[in-house]
């Protein structure tokens, strides 16, 4: 399967949100992202900076489990690593601020306008 191409980050973000339509997957992303950052901060604060390298393992471990087991799709990280990384934390921020629902409705309403994500 070829990697979908996007003309803008906004187009990608709508695609990203569609790939995270299941609430349990979003919760796993939220937990993995925040735990990963927490481990990195704690590692540095406690004088064990090498443990900060666990950040991506923790974050992506939670996220990829959500994609492969819950959503049944391929993580956007594989085709668009930078935009996916940014979008992970954008989604976490939207969750923290209570604004994700509006974005999810917009992204899901654009389902027919973007490339398919299911494999």
PDB file of N, CA and C in Angstrom:
ATOM      1  N   UNK A   1       0.849  -1.184   0.000  1.00  0.00           N
ATOM      2  CA  UNK A   1       0.000   0.000   0.000  1.00  0.00           C
ATOM      3  C   UNK A   1       0.891   1.243   0.000  1.00  0.00           C
ATOM      4  N   UNK A   2       0.592   2.184  -0.848  1.00  0.00           N
ATOM      5  CA  UNK A   2       1.390   3.403  -0.918  1.00  0.00           C
ATOM      6  C   UNK A   2       1.010   4.359   0.213  1.00  0.00           C
ATOM      7  N   UNK A   3       1.957   5.227   0.547  1.00  0.00           N
ATOM      8  CA  UNK A   3       1.741   6.210   1.598  1.00  0.00           C
ATOM      9  C   UNK A   3       0.881   7.342   1.052  1.00  0.00           C
ATOM     10  N   UNK A   4      -0.220   7.694   1.748  1.00  0.00           N
ATOM     11  CA  UNK A   4      -1.058   8.806   1.287  1.00  0.00           C
ATOM     12  C   UNK A   4      -0.258  10.113   1.261  1.00  0.00           C
ATOM     13  N   UNK A   5      -0.541  10.947   0.299  1.00  0.00           N
ATOM     14  CA  UNK A   5       0.112  12.247   0.174  1.00  0.00           C
ATOM     15  C   UNK A   5      -0.902  13.340   0.522  1.00  0.00           C
ATOM     16  N   UNK A   6      -0.384  14.411   1.116  1.00  0.00           N
ATOM     17  CA  UNK A   6      -1.244  15.506   1.549  1.00  0.00           C
ATOM     18  C   UNK A   6      -0.691  16.821   1.046  1.00  0.00           C
ATOM     19  N   UNK A   7      -1.600  17.737   0.721  1.00  0.00           N
ATOM     20  CA  UNK A   7      -1.167  19.038   0.208  1.00  0.00           C
ATOM     21  C   UNK A   7      -0.909  20.040   1.326  1.00  0.00           C
ATOM     22  N   UNK A   8      -1.340  19.716   2.564  1.00  0.00           N
ATOM     23  CA  UNK A   8      -1.130  20.631   3.686  1.00  0.00           C
ATOM     24  C   UNK A   8      -1.169  19.853   4.995  1.00  0.00           C
ATOM     25  N   UNK A   9      -0.673  20.475   6.041  1.00  0.00           N
ATOM     26  CA  UNK A   9      -0.747  19.850   7.354  1.00  0.00           C
ATOM     27  C   UNK A   9      -2.206  19.704   7.798  1.00  0.00           C
ATOM     28  N   UNK A  10      -3.048  20.682   7.506  1.00  0.00           N
ATOM     29  CA  UNK A  10      -4.454  20.600   7.904  1.00  0.00           C
ATOM     30  C   UNK A  10      -5.139  19.389   7.276  1.00  0.00           C
ATOM     31  N   UNK A  11      -4.817  19.112   6.043  1.00  0.00           N
ATOM     32  CA  UNK A  11      -5.367  17.929   5.376  1.00  0.00           C
ATOM     33  C   UNK A  11      -4.874  16.658   6.088  1.00  0.00           C
ATOM     34  N   UNK A  12      -3.588  16.654   6.439  1.00  0.00           N
ATOM     35  CA  UNK A  12      -3.042  15.515   7.173  1.00  0.00           C
ATOM     36  C   UNK A  12      -3.731  15.366   8.528  1.00  0.00           C
ATOM     37  N   UNK A  13      -3.954  16.475   9.230  1.00  0.00           N
ATOM     38  CA  UNK A  13      -4.533  16.389  10.567  1.00  0.00           C
ATOM     39  C   UNK A  13      -5.944  15.813  10.523  1.00  0.00           C
ATOM     40  N   UNK A  14      -6.724  16.140   9.514  1.00  0.00           N
ATOM     41  CA  UNK A  14      -8.053  15.536   9.367  1.00  0.00           C
ATOM     42  C   UNK A  14      -7.916  14.020   9.171  1.00  0.00           C
ATOM     43  N   UNK A  15      -6.960  13.609   8.363  1.00  0.00           N
ATOM     44  CA  UNK A  15      -6.650  12.195   8.146  1.00  0.00           C
ATOM     45  C   UNK A  15      -6.215  11.548   9.463  1.00  0.00           C
ATOM     46  N   UNK A  16      -5.358  12.218  10.199  1.00  0.00           N
ATOM     47  CA  UNK A  16      -4.854  11.737  11.484  1.00  0.00           C
ATOM     48  C   UNK A  16      -6.011  11.499  12.455  1.00  0.00           C
ATOM     49  N   UNK A  17      -6.939  12.440  12.525  1.00  0.00           N
ATOM     50  CA  UNK A  17      -8.074  12.294  13.432  1.00  0.00           C
ATOM     51  C   UNK A  17      -8.956  11.118  13.034  1.00  0.00           C
ATOM     52  N   UNK A  18      -9.143  10.895  11.738  1.00  0.00           N
ATOM     53  CA  UNK A  18      -9.928   9.740  11.293  1.00  0.00           C
ATOM     54  C   UNK A  18      -9.258   8.439  11.710  1.00  0.00           C
ATOM     55  N   UNK A  19      -7.933   8.425  11.744  1.00  0.00           N
ATOM     56  CA  UNK A  19      -7.184   7.233  12.145  1.00  0.00           C
ATOM     57  C   UNK A  19      -7.249   6.998  13.650  1.00  0.00           C
ATOM     58  N   UNK A  20      -7.821   7.950  14.383  1.00  0.00           N
ATOM     59  CA  UNK A  20      -7.948   7.866  15.835  1.00  0.00           C
ATOM     60  C   UNK A  20      -9.413   7.976  16.234  1.00  0.00           C
ATOM     61  N   UNK A  21     -10.288   7.348  15.480  1.00  0.00           N
ATOM     62  CA  UNK A  21     -11.724   7.493  15.724  1.00  0.00           C
ATOM     63  C   UNK A  21     -12.196   6.744  16.963  1.00  0.00           C
ATOM     64  N   UNK A  22     -11.488   5.719  17.394  1.00  0.00           N
ATOM     65  CA  UNK A  22     -11.903   4.960  18.575  1.00  0.00           C
ATOM     66  C   UNK A  22     -11.395   5.649  19.847  1.00  0.00           C
ATOM     67  N   UNK A  23     -12.297   5.935  20.781  1.00  0.00           N
ATOM     68  CA  UNK A  23     -11.883   6.629  22.012  1.00  0.00           C
ATOM     69  C   UNK A  23     -10.775   5.911  22.790  1.00  0.00           C
ATOM     70  N   UNK A  24     -10.781   4.585  22.813  1.00  0.00           N
ATOM     71  CA  UNK A  24      -9.738   3.856  23.549  1.00  0.00           C
ATOM     72  C   UNK A  24      -8.365   4.088  22.933  1.00  0.00           C
ATOM     73  N   UNK A  25      -8.313   4.213  21.623  1.00  0.00           N
ATOM     74  CA  UNK A  25      -7.029   4.506  20.962  1.00  0.00           C
ATOM     75  C   UNK A  25      -6.537   5.897  21.360  1.00  0.00           C
ATOM     76  N   UNK A  26      -7.449   6.844  21.416  1.00  0.00           N
ATOM     77  CA  UNK A  26      -7.057   8.200  21.824  1.00  0.00           C
ATOM     78  C   UNK A  26      -6.570   8.215  23.267  1.00  0.00           C
ATOM     79  N   UNK A  27      -7.214   7.450  24.138  1.00  0.00           N
ATOM     80  CA  UNK A  27      -6.779   7.378  25.539  1.00  0.00           C
ATOM     81  C   UNK A  27      -5.384   6.775  25.621  1.00  0.00           C
ATOM     82  N   UNK A  28      -5.117   5.736  24.838  1.00  0.00           N
ATOM     83  CA  UNK A  28      -3.777   5.149  24.832  1.00  0.00           C
ATOM     84  C   UNK A  28      -2.738   6.154  24.353  1.00  0.00           C
ATOM     85  N   UNK A  29      -3.066   6.927  23.327  1.00  0.00           N
ATOM     86  CA  UNK A  29      -2.147   7.967  22.858  1.00  0.00           C
ATOM     87  C   UNK A  29      -1.894   9.000  23.951  1.00  0.00           C
ATOM     88  N   UNK A  30      -2.948   9.406  24.602  1.00  0.00           N
ATOM     89  CA  UNK A  30      -2.854  10.387  25.684  1.00  0.00           C
ATOM     90  C   UNK A  30      -1.934   9.871  26.785  1.00  0.00           C
ATOM     91  N   UNK A  31      -2.186   8.657  27.250  1.00  0.00           N
ATOM     92  CA  UNK A  31      -1.381   8.068  28.323  1.00  0.00           C
ATOM     93  C   UNK A  31       0.072   7.891  27.893  1.00  0.00           C
ATOM     94  N   UNK A  32       0.286   7.337  26.716  1.00  0.00           N
ATOM     95  CA  UNK A  32       1.652   7.106  26.244  1.00  0.00           C
ATOM     96  C   UNK A  32       2.428   8.396  26.065  1.00  0.00           C
ATOM     97  N   UNK A  33       1.781   9.405  25.511  1.00  0.00           N
ATOM     98  CA  UNK A  33       2.455  10.682  25.286  1.00  0.00           C
ATOM     99  C   UNK A  33       2.855  11.338  26.603  1.00  0.00           C
ATOM    100  N   UNK A  34       1.920  11.383  27.554  1.00  0.00           N
ATOM    101  CA  UNK A  34       2.218  12.025  28.827  1.00  0.00           C
ATOM    102  C   UNK A  34       3.177  11.195  29.692  1.00  0.00           C
ATOM    103  N   UNK A  35       3.022   9.875  29.691  1.00  0.00           N
ATOM    104  CA  UNK A  35       3.961   9.037  30.429  1.00  0.00           C
ATOM    105  C   UNK A  35       5.367   9.137  29.847  1.00  0.00           C
ATOM    106  N   UNK A  36       5.446   9.169  28.526  1.00  0.00           N
ATOM    107  CA  UNK A  36       6.751   9.295  27.882  1.00  0.00           C
ATOM    108  C   UNK A  36       7.460  10.573  28.282  1.00  0.00           C
ATOM    109  N   UNK A  37       6.734  11.683  28.244  1.00  0.00           N
ATOM    110  CA  UNK A  37       7.325  12.961  28.650  1.00  0.00           C
ATOM    111  C   UNK A  37       7.677  12.925  30.138  1.00  0.00           C
ATOM    112  N   UNK A  38       6.791  12.352  30.939  1.00  0.00           N
ATOM    113  CA  UNK A  38       7.054  12.260  32.376  1.00  0.00           C
ATOM    114  C   UNK A  38       8.311  11.467  32.686  1.00  0.00           C
ATOM    115  N   UNK A  39       8.509  10.366  31.987  1.00  0.00           N
ATOM    116  CA  UNK A  39       9.715   9.553  32.181  1.00  0.00           C
ATOM    117  C   UNK A  39      10.954  10.345  31.774  1.00  0.00           C
ATOM    118  N   UNK A  40      10.874  11.036  30.669  1.00  0.00           N
ATOM    119  CA  UNK A  40      12.028  11.825  30.208  1.00  0.00           C
ATOM    120  C   UNK A  40      12.377  12.922  31.217  1.00  0.00           C
ATOM    121  N   UNK A  41      11.384  13.622  31.701  1.00  0.00           N
ATOM    122  CA  UNK A  41      11.628  14.692  32.683  1.00  0.00           C
ATOM    123  C   UNK A  41      12.187  14.108  33.977  1.00  0.00           C
ATOM    124  N   UNK A  42      11.578  13.027  34.456  1.00  0.00           N
ATOM    125  CA  UNK A  42      12.050  12.400  35.697  1.00  0.00           C
ATOM    126  C   UNK A  42      13.481  11.881  35.544  1.00  0.00           C
ATOM    127  N   UNK A  43      13.788  11.286  34.401  1.00  0.00           N
ATOM    128  CA  UNK A  43      15.134  10.757  34.165  1.00  0.00           C
ATOM    129  C   UNK A  43      16.178  11.861  34.252  1.00  0.00           C
ATOM    130  N   UNK A  44      15.879  12.978  33.640  1.00  0.00           N
ATOM    131  CA  UNK A  44      16.824  14.104  33.671  1.00  0.00           C
ATOM    132  C   UNK A  44      16.894  14.706  35.068  1.00  0.00           C
ATOM    133  N   UNK A  45      15.727  14.885  35.695  1.00  0.00           N
ATOM    134  CA  UNK A  45      15.689  15.485  37.033  1.00  0.00           C
ATOM    135  C   UNK A  45      16.399  14.619  38.074  1.00  0.00           C
ATOM    136  N   UNK A  46      16.351  13.314  37.898  1.00  0.00           N
ATOM    137  CA  UNK A  46      16.967  12.401  38.859  1.00  0.00           C
ATOM    138  C   UNK A  46      18.415  12.054  38.519  1.00  0.00           C
ATOM    139  N   UNK A  47      18.926  12.674  37.461  1.00  0.00           N
ATOM    140  CA  UNK A  47      20.317  12.468  37.090  1.00  0.00           C
ATOM    141  C   UNK A  47      20.596  11.182  36.329  1.00  0.00           C
ATOM    142  N   UNK A  48      19.589  10.645  35.666  1.00  0.00           N
ATOM    143  CA  UNK A  48      19.747   9.436  34.848  1.00  0.00           C
ATOM    144  C   UNK A  48      19.290   9.727  33.418  1.00  0.00           C
ATOM    145  N   UNK A  49      20.000  10.583  32.711  1.00  0.00           N
ATOM    146  CA  UNK A  49      19.526  11.029  31.401  1.00  0.00           C
ATOM    147  C   UNK A  49      19.352   9.909  30.374  1.00  0.00           C
ATOM    148  N   UNK A  50      20.070   8.818  30.513  1.00  0.00           N
ATOM    149  CA  UNK A  50      19.918   7.727  29.541  1.00  0.00           C
ATOM    150  C   UNK A  50      18.518   7.130  29.581  1.00  0.00           C
ATOM    151  N   UNK A  51      17.870   7.187  30.748  1.00  0.00           N
ATOM    152  CA  UNK A  51      16.505   6.677  30.840  1.00  0.00           C
ATOM    153  C   UNK A  51      15.514   7.520  30.034  1.00  0.00           C
ATOM    154  N   UNK A  52      15.913   8.728  29.709  1.00  0.00           N
ATOM    155  CA  UNK A  52      15.044   9.580  28.886  1.00  0.00           C
ATOM    156  C   UNK A  52      14.825   8.965  27.501  1.00  0.00           C
ATOM    157  N   UNK A  53      15.719   8.084  27.100  1.00  0.00           N
ATOM    158  CA  UNK A  53      15.556   7.408  25.804  1.00  0.00           C
ATOM    159  C   UNK A  53      14.352   6.464  25.794  1.00  0.00           C
ATOM    160  N   UNK A  54      13.775   6.202  26.934  1.00  0.00           N
ATOM    161  CA  UNK A  54      12.557   5.381  26.994  1.00  0.00           C
ATOM    162  C   UNK A  54      11.323   6.143  26.516  1.00  0.00           C
ATOM    163  N   UNK A  55      11.435   7.461  26.437  1.00  0.00           N
ATOM    164  CA  UNK A  55      10.296   8.293  26.030  1.00  0.00           C
ATOM    165  C   UNK A  55       9.635   7.793  24.750  1.00  0.00           C
ATOM    166  N   UNK A  56      10.355   7.645  23.641  1.00  0.00           N
ATOM    167  CA  UNK A  56       9.662   7.199  22.430  1.00  0.00           C
ATOM    168  C   UNK A  56       9.161   5.755  22.519  1.00  0.00           C
ATOM    169  N   UNK A  57       9.875   4.916  23.243  1.00  0.00           N
ATOM    170  CA  UNK A  57       9.435   3.523  23.390  1.00  0.00           C
ATOM    171  C   UNK A  57       8.085   3.478  24.103  1.00  0.00           C
ATOM    172  N   UNK A  58       7.959   4.249  25.170  1.00  0.00           N
ATOM    173  CA  UNK A  58       6.706   4.295  25.923  1.00  0.00           C
ATOM    174  C   UNK A  58       5.601   4.925  25.069  1.00  0.00           C
ATOM    175  N   UNK A  59       5.877   6.093  24.527  1.00  0.00           N
ATOM    176  CA  UNK A  59       4.862   6.801  23.739  1.00  0.00           C
ATOM    177  C   UNK A  59       4.386   6.007  22.545  1.00  0.00           C
ATOM    178  N   UNK A  60       5.322   5.512  21.745  1.00  0.00           N
ATOM    179  CA  UNK A  60       4.933   4.768  20.550  1.00  0.00           C
ATOM    180  C   UNK A  60       4.393   3.386  20.890  1.00  0.00           C
ATOM    181  N   UNK A  61       4.842   2.804  21.996  1.00  0.00           N
ATOM    182  CA  UNK A  61       4.300   1.509  22.404  1.00  0.00           C
ATOM    183  C   UNK A  61       2.806   1.581  22.666  1.00  0.00           C
ATOM    184  N   UNK A  62       2.399   2.565  23.432  1.00  0.00           N
ATOM    185  CA  UNK A  62       0.973   2.766  23.699  1.00  0.00           C
ATOM    186  C   UNK A  62       0.219   3.057  22.396  1.00  0.00           C
ATOM    187  N   UNK A  63       0.764   3.969  21.601  1.00  0.00           N
ATOM    188  CA  UNK A  63       0.077   4.393  20.371  1.00  0.00           C
ATOM    189  C   UNK A  63      -0.054   3.244  19.377  1.00  0.00           C
ATOM    190  N   UNK A  64       1.019   2.518  19.163  1.00  0.00           N
ATOM    191  CA  UNK A  64       0.970   1.441  18.170  1.00  0.00           C
ATOM    192  C   UNK A  64       0.061   0.305  18.614  1.00  0.00           C
ATOM    193  N   UNK A  65       0.026   0.022  19.910  1.00  0.00           N
ATOM    194  CA  UNK A  65      -0.927  -0.963  20.409  1.00  0.00           C
ATOM    195  C   UNK A  65      -2.346  -0.514  20.051  1.00  0.00           C
ATOM    196  N   UNK A  66      -2.634   0.759  20.265  1.00  0.00           N
ATOM    197  CA  UNK A  66      -3.955   1.297  19.941  1.00  0.00           C
ATOM    198  C   UNK A  66      -4.303   1.155  18.469  1.00  0.00           C
ATOM    199  N   UNK A  67      -3.330   1.378  17.605  1.00  0.00           N
ATOM    200  CA  UNK A  67      -3.602   1.267  16.169  1.00  0.00           C
ATOM    201  C   UNK A  67      -3.772  -0.176  15.728  1.00  0.00           C
ATOM    202  N   UNK A  68      -2.819  -1.017  16.081  1.00  0.00           N
ATOM    203  CA  UNK A  68      -2.849  -2.393  15.582  1.00  0.00           C
ATOM    204  C   UNK A  68      -3.950  -3.230  16.231  1.00  0.00           C
ATOM    205  N   UNK A  69      -4.190  -3.067  17.532  1.00  0.00           N
ATOM    206  CA  UNK A  69      -5.131  -3.922  18.246  1.00  0.00           C
ATOM    207  C   UNK A  69      -6.536  -3.318  18.302  1.00  0.00           C
ATOM    208  N   UNK A  70      -6.644  -2.025  18.547  1.00  0.00           N
ATOM    209  CA  UNK A  70      -7.966  -1.415  18.731  1.00  0.00           C
ATOM    210  C   UNK A  70      -8.541  -0.876  17.420  1.00  0.00           C
ATOM    211  N   UNK A  71      -7.792  -0.011  16.726  1.00  0.00           N
ATOM    212  CA  UNK A  71      -8.304   0.590  15.485  1.00  0.00           C
ATOM    213  C   UNK A  71      -8.207  -0.367  14.301  1.00  0.00           C
ATOM    214  N   UNK A  72      -7.198  -1.227  14.309  1.00  0.00           N
ATOM    215  CA  UNK A  72      -6.991  -2.121  13.168  1.00  0.00           C
ATOM    216  C   UNK A  72      -6.434  -1.389  11.960  1.00  0.00           C
ATOM    217  N   UNK A  73      -5.611  -0.366  12.200  1.00  0.00           N
ATOM    218  CA  UNK A  73      -5.015   0.371  11.095  1.00  0.00           C
ATOM    219  C   UNK A  73      -3.524   0.589  11.345  1.00  0.00           C
ATOM    220  N   UNK A  74      -2.870   1.152  10.365  1.00  0.00           N
ATOM    221  CA  UNK A  74      -1.428   1.385  10.438  1.00  0.00           C
ATOM    222  C   UNK A  74      -1.168   2.791  10.964  1.00  0.00           C
ATOM    223  N   UNK A  75      -0.249   2.941  11.927  1.00  0.00           N
ATOM    224  CA  UNK A  75       0.049   4.275  12.451  1.00  0.00           C
ATOM    225  C   UNK A  75       0.542   5.234  11.358  1.00  0.00           C
ATOM    226  N   UNK A  76       0.103   6.473  11.440  1.00  0.00           N
ATOM    227  CA  UNK A  76       0.527   7.493  10.476  1.00  0.00           C
ATOM    228  C   UNK A  76       2.022   7.773  10.580  1.00  0.00           C
ATOM    229  N   UNK A  77       2.631   7.391  11.700  1.00  0.00           N
ATOM    230  CA  UNK A  77       4.069   7.582  11.910  1.00  0.00           C
ATOM    231  C   UNK A  77       4.887   6.945  10.803  1.00  0.00           C
ATOM    232  N   UNK A  78       4.426   5.832  10.285  1.00  0.00           N
ATOM    233  CA  UNK A  78       5.196   5.106   9.281  1.00  0.00           C
ATOM    234  C   UNK A  78       5.363   5.904   7.991  1.00  0.00           C
ATOM    235  N   UNK A  79       4.351   6.670   7.614  1.00  0.00           N
ATOM    236  CA  UNK A  79       4.424   7.431   6.369  1.00  0.00           C
ATOM    237  C   UNK A  79       4.760   8.896   6.547  1.00  0.00           C
ATOM    238  N   UNK A  80       4.417   9.451   7.695  1.00  0.00           N
ATOM    239  CA  UNK A  80       4.581  10.883   7.953  1.00  0.00           C
ATOM    240  C   UNK A  80       5.042  11.089   9.394  1.00  0.00           C
ATOM    241  N   UNK A  81       6.283  10.714   9.705  1.00  0.00           N
ATOM    242  CA  UNK A  81       6.726  10.721  11.107  1.00  0.00           C
ATOM    243  C   UNK A  81       6.674  12.081  11.790  1.00  0.00           C
ATOM    244  N   UNK A  82       7.097  13.138  11.118  1.00  0.00           N
ATOM    245  CA  UNK A  82       7.134  14.445  11.778  1.00  0.00           C
ATOM    246  C   UNK A  82       5.734  14.985  12.022  1.00  0.00           C
ATOM    247  N   UNK A  83       4.892  14.957  10.997  1.00  0.00           N
ATOM    248  CA  UNK A  83       3.523  15.448  11.157  1.00  0.00           C
ATOM    249  C   UNK A  83       2.764  14.593  12.166  1.00  0.00           C
ATOM    250  N   UNK A  84       3.013  13.314  12.196  1.00  0.00           N
ATOM    251  CA  UNK A  84       2.374  12.439  13.160  1.00  0.00           C
ATOM    252  C   UNK A  84       2.794  12.782  14.588  1.00  0.00           C
ATOM    253  N   UNK A  85       4.075  13.023  14.794  1.00  0.00           N
ATOM    254  CA  UNK A  85       4.590  13.395  16.114  1.00  0.00           C
ATOM    255  C   UNK A  85       3.926  14.689  16.593  1.00  0.00           C
ATOM    256  N   UNK A  86       3.889  15.679  15.726  1.00  0.00           N
ATOM    257  CA  UNK A  86       3.250  16.954  16.073  1.00  0.00           C
ATOM    258  C   UNK A  86       1.766  16.733  16.389  1.00  0.00           C
ATOM    259  N   UNK A  87       1.123  15.914  15.581  1.00  0.00           N
ATOM    260  CA  UNK A  87      -0.311  15.675  15.750  1.00  0.00           C
ATOM    261  C   UNK A  87      -0.625  14.920  17.032  1.00  0.00           C
ATOM    262  N   UNK A  88       0.282  14.025  17.456  1.00  0.00           N
ATOM    263  CA  UNK A  88       0.075  13.325  18.734  1.00  0.00           C
ATOM    264  C   UNK A  88      -0.084  14.338  19.866  1.00  0.00           C
ATOM    265  N   UNK A  89       0.827  15.285  19.915  1.00  0.00           N
ATOM    266  CA  UNK A  89       0.787  16.257  21.011  1.00  0.00           C
ATOM    267  C   UNK A  89      -0.284  17.315  20.798  1.00  0.00           C
ATOM    268  N   UNK A  90      -0.629  17.587  19.565  1.00  0.00           N
ATOM    269  CA  UNK A  90      -1.755  18.486  19.309  1.00  0.00           C
ATOM    270  C   UNK A  90      -3.041  17.839  19.802  1.00  0.00           C
ATOM    271  N   UNK A  91      -3.200  16.536  19.529  1.00  0.00           N
ATOM    272  CA  UNK A  91      -4.393  15.829  19.985  1.00  0.00           C
ATOM    273  C   UNK A  91      -4.444  15.790  21.519  1.00  0.00           C
ATOM    274  N   UNK A  92      -3.306  15.551  22.163  1.00  0.00           N
ATOM    275  CA  UNK A  92      -3.258  15.566  23.631  1.00  0.00           C
ATOM    276  C   UNK A  92      -3.680  16.937  24.155  1.00  0.00           C
ATOM    277  N   UNK A  93      -3.164  17.997  23.543  1.00  0.00           N
ATOM    278  CA  UNK A  93      -3.526  19.352  23.970  1.00  0.00           C
ATOM    279  C   UNK A  93      -5.023  19.596  23.795  1.00  0.00           C
ATOM    280  N   UNK A  94      -5.570  19.170  22.671  1.00  0.00           N
ATOM    281  CA  UNK A  94      -7.003  19.338  22.439  1.00  0.00           C
ATOM    282  C   UNK A  94      -7.822  18.542  23.450  1.00  0.00           C
ATOM    283  N   UNK A  95      -7.323  17.371  23.844  1.00  0.00           N
ATOM    284  CA  UNK A  95      -8.004  16.584  24.867  1.00  0.00           C
ATOM    285  C   UNK A  95      -7.965  17.312  26.212  1.00  0.00           C
ATOM    286  N   UNK A  96      -6.805  17.833  26.566  1.00  0.00           N
ATOM    287  CA  UNK A  96      -6.649  18.535  27.843  1.00  0.00           C
ATOM    288  C   UNK A  96      -7.512  19.790  27.931  1.00  0.00           C
ATOM    289  N   UNK A  97      -7.707  20.449  26.798  1.00  0.00           N
ATOM    290  CA  UNK A  97      -8.467  21.693  26.791  1.00  0.00           C
ATOM    291  C   UNK A  97      -9.948  21.487  26.457  1.00  0.00           C
ATOM    292  N   UNK A  98     -10.361  20.221  26.267  1.00  0.00           N
ATOM    293  CA  UNK A  98     -11.766  19.922  26.001  1.00  0.00           C
ATOM    294  C   UNK A  98     -12.244  20.307  24.619  1.00  0.00           C
ATOM    295  N   UNK A  99     -11.343  20.503  23.685  1.00  0.00           N
ATOM    296  CA  UNK A  99     -11.735  20.932  22.338  1.00  0.00           C
ATOM    297  C   UNK A  99     -11.635  19.831  21.293  1.00  0.00           C
ATOM    298  N   UNK A 100     -11.265  18.619  21.686  1.00  0.00           N
ATOM    299  CA  UNK A 100     -11.070  17.562  20.698  1.00  0.00           C
ATOM    300  C   UNK A 100     -12.369  17.166  20.007  1.00  0.00           C
ATOM    301  N   UNK A 101     -13.476  17.189  20.730  1.00  0.00           N
ATOM    302  CA  UNK A 101     -14.757  16.780  20.142  1.00  0.00           C
ATOM    303  C   UNK A 101     -15.090  17.526  18.865  1.00  0.00           C
ATOM    304  N   UNK A 102     -14.920  18.842  18.860  1.00  0.00           N
ATOM    305  CA  UNK A 102     -15.200  19.630  17.650  1.00  0.00           C
ATOM    306  C   UNK A 102     -14.282  19.239  16.510  1.00  0.00           C
ATOM    307  N   UNK A 103     -12.997  19.049  16.831  1.00  0.00           N
ATOM    308  CA  UNK A 103     -12.030  18.654  15.799  1.00  0.00           C
ATOM    309  C   UNK A 103     -12.342  17.268  15.257  1.00  0.00           C
ATOM    310  N   UNK A 104     -12.754  16.351  16.128  1.00  0.00           N
ATOM    311  CA  UNK A 104     -13.086  14.995  15.683  1.00  0.00           C
ATOM    312  C   UNK A 104     -14.279  15.043  14.731  1.00  0.00           C
ATOM    313  N   UNK A 105     -15.287  15.825  15.058  1.00  0.00           N
ATOM    314  CA  UNK A 105     -16.449  15.929  14.164  1.00  0.00           C
ATOM    315  C   UNK A 105     -16.037  16.486  12.806  1.00  0.00           C
ATOM    316  N   UNK A 106     -15.168  17.491  12.791  1.00  0.00           N
ATOM    317  CA  UNK A 106     -14.688  18.051  11.519  1.00  0.00           C
ATOM    318  C   UNK A 106     -13.906  17.011  10.735  1.00  0.00           C
ATOM    319  N   UNK A 107     -12.985  16.326  11.412  1.00  0.00           N
ATOM    320  CA  UNK A 107     -12.157  15.326  10.740  1.00  0.00           C
ATOM    321  C   UNK A 107     -12.963  14.171  10.208  1.00  0.00           C
ATOM    322  N   UNK A 108     -13.933  13.700  10.990  1.00  0.00           N
ATOM    323  CA  UNK A 108     -14.753  12.579  10.551  1.00  0.00           C
ATOM    324  C   UNK A 108     -15.697  12.985   9.441  1.00  0.00           C
ATOM    325  N   UNK A 109     -16.125  14.247   9.416  1.00  0.00           N
ATOM    326  CA  UNK A 109     -16.985  14.721   8.334  1.00  0.00           C
ATOM    327  C   UNK A 109     -16.242  14.845   7.020  1.00  0.00           C
ATOM    328  N   UNK A 110     -14.927  14.929   7.063  1.00  0.00           N
ATOM    329  CA  UNK A 110     -14.122  15.049   5.851  1.00  0.00           C
ATOM    330  C   UNK A 110     -13.676  13.687   5.341  1.00  0.00           C
ATOM    331  N   UNK A 111     -14.263  12.611   5.847  1.00  0.00           N
ATOM    332  CA  UNK A 111     -13.803  11.262   5.546  1.00  0.00           C
ATOM    333  C   UNK A 111     -13.743  10.976   4.057  1.00  0.00           C
ATOM    334  N   UNK A 112     -14.709  11.466   3.299  1.00  0.00           N
ATOM    335  CA  UNK A 112     -14.711  11.173   1.868  1.00  0.00           C
ATOM    336  C   UNK A 112     -13.754  12.018   1.065  1.00  0.00           C
ATOM    337  N   UNK A 113     -13.162  13.040   1.692  1.00  0.00           N
ATOM    338  CA  UNK A 113     -12.297  13.947   0.933  1.00  0.00           C
ATOM    339  C   UNK A 113     -10.838  13.582   0.997  1.00  0.00           C
ATOM    340  N   UNK A 114     -10.460  12.643   1.843  1.00  0.00           N
ATOM    341  CA  UNK A 114      -9.039  12.309   2.003  1.00  0.00           C
ATOM    342  C   UNK A 114      -8.737  10.883   1.610  1.00  0.00           C
ATOM    343  N   UNK A 115      -7.449  10.525   1.575  1.00  0.00           N
ATOM    344  CA  UNK A 115      -7.050   9.173   1.227  1.00  0.00           C
ATOM    345  C   UNK A 115      -7.509   8.175   2.290  1.00  0.00           C
ATOM    346  N   UNK A 116      -7.749   6.951   1.876  1.00  0.00           N
ATOM    347  CA  UNK A 116      -8.150   5.903   2.805  1.00  0.00           C
ATOM    348  C   UNK A 116      -6.986   5.515   3.692  1.00  0.00           C
ATOM    349  N   UNK A 117      -7.304   5.174   4.932  1.00  0.00           N
ATOM    350  CA  UNK A 117      -6.241   4.839   5.875  1.00  0.00           C
ATOM    351  C   UNK A 117      -6.270   3.368   6.254  1.00  0.00           C
ATOM    352  N   UNK A 118      -7.390   2.728   6.136  1.00  0.00           N
ATOM    353  CA  UNK A 118      -7.494   1.315   6.514  1.00  0.00           C
ATOM    354  C   UNK A 118      -6.646   0.479   5.558  1.00  0.00           C
ATOM    355  N   UNK A 119      -6.128  -0.615   6.119  1.00  0.00           N
ATOM    356  CA  UNK A 119      -5.349  -1.505   5.238  1.00  0.00           C
ATOM    357  C   UNK A 119      -5.989  -2.847   5.145  1.00  0.00           C
TER     358      UNK A 119
END
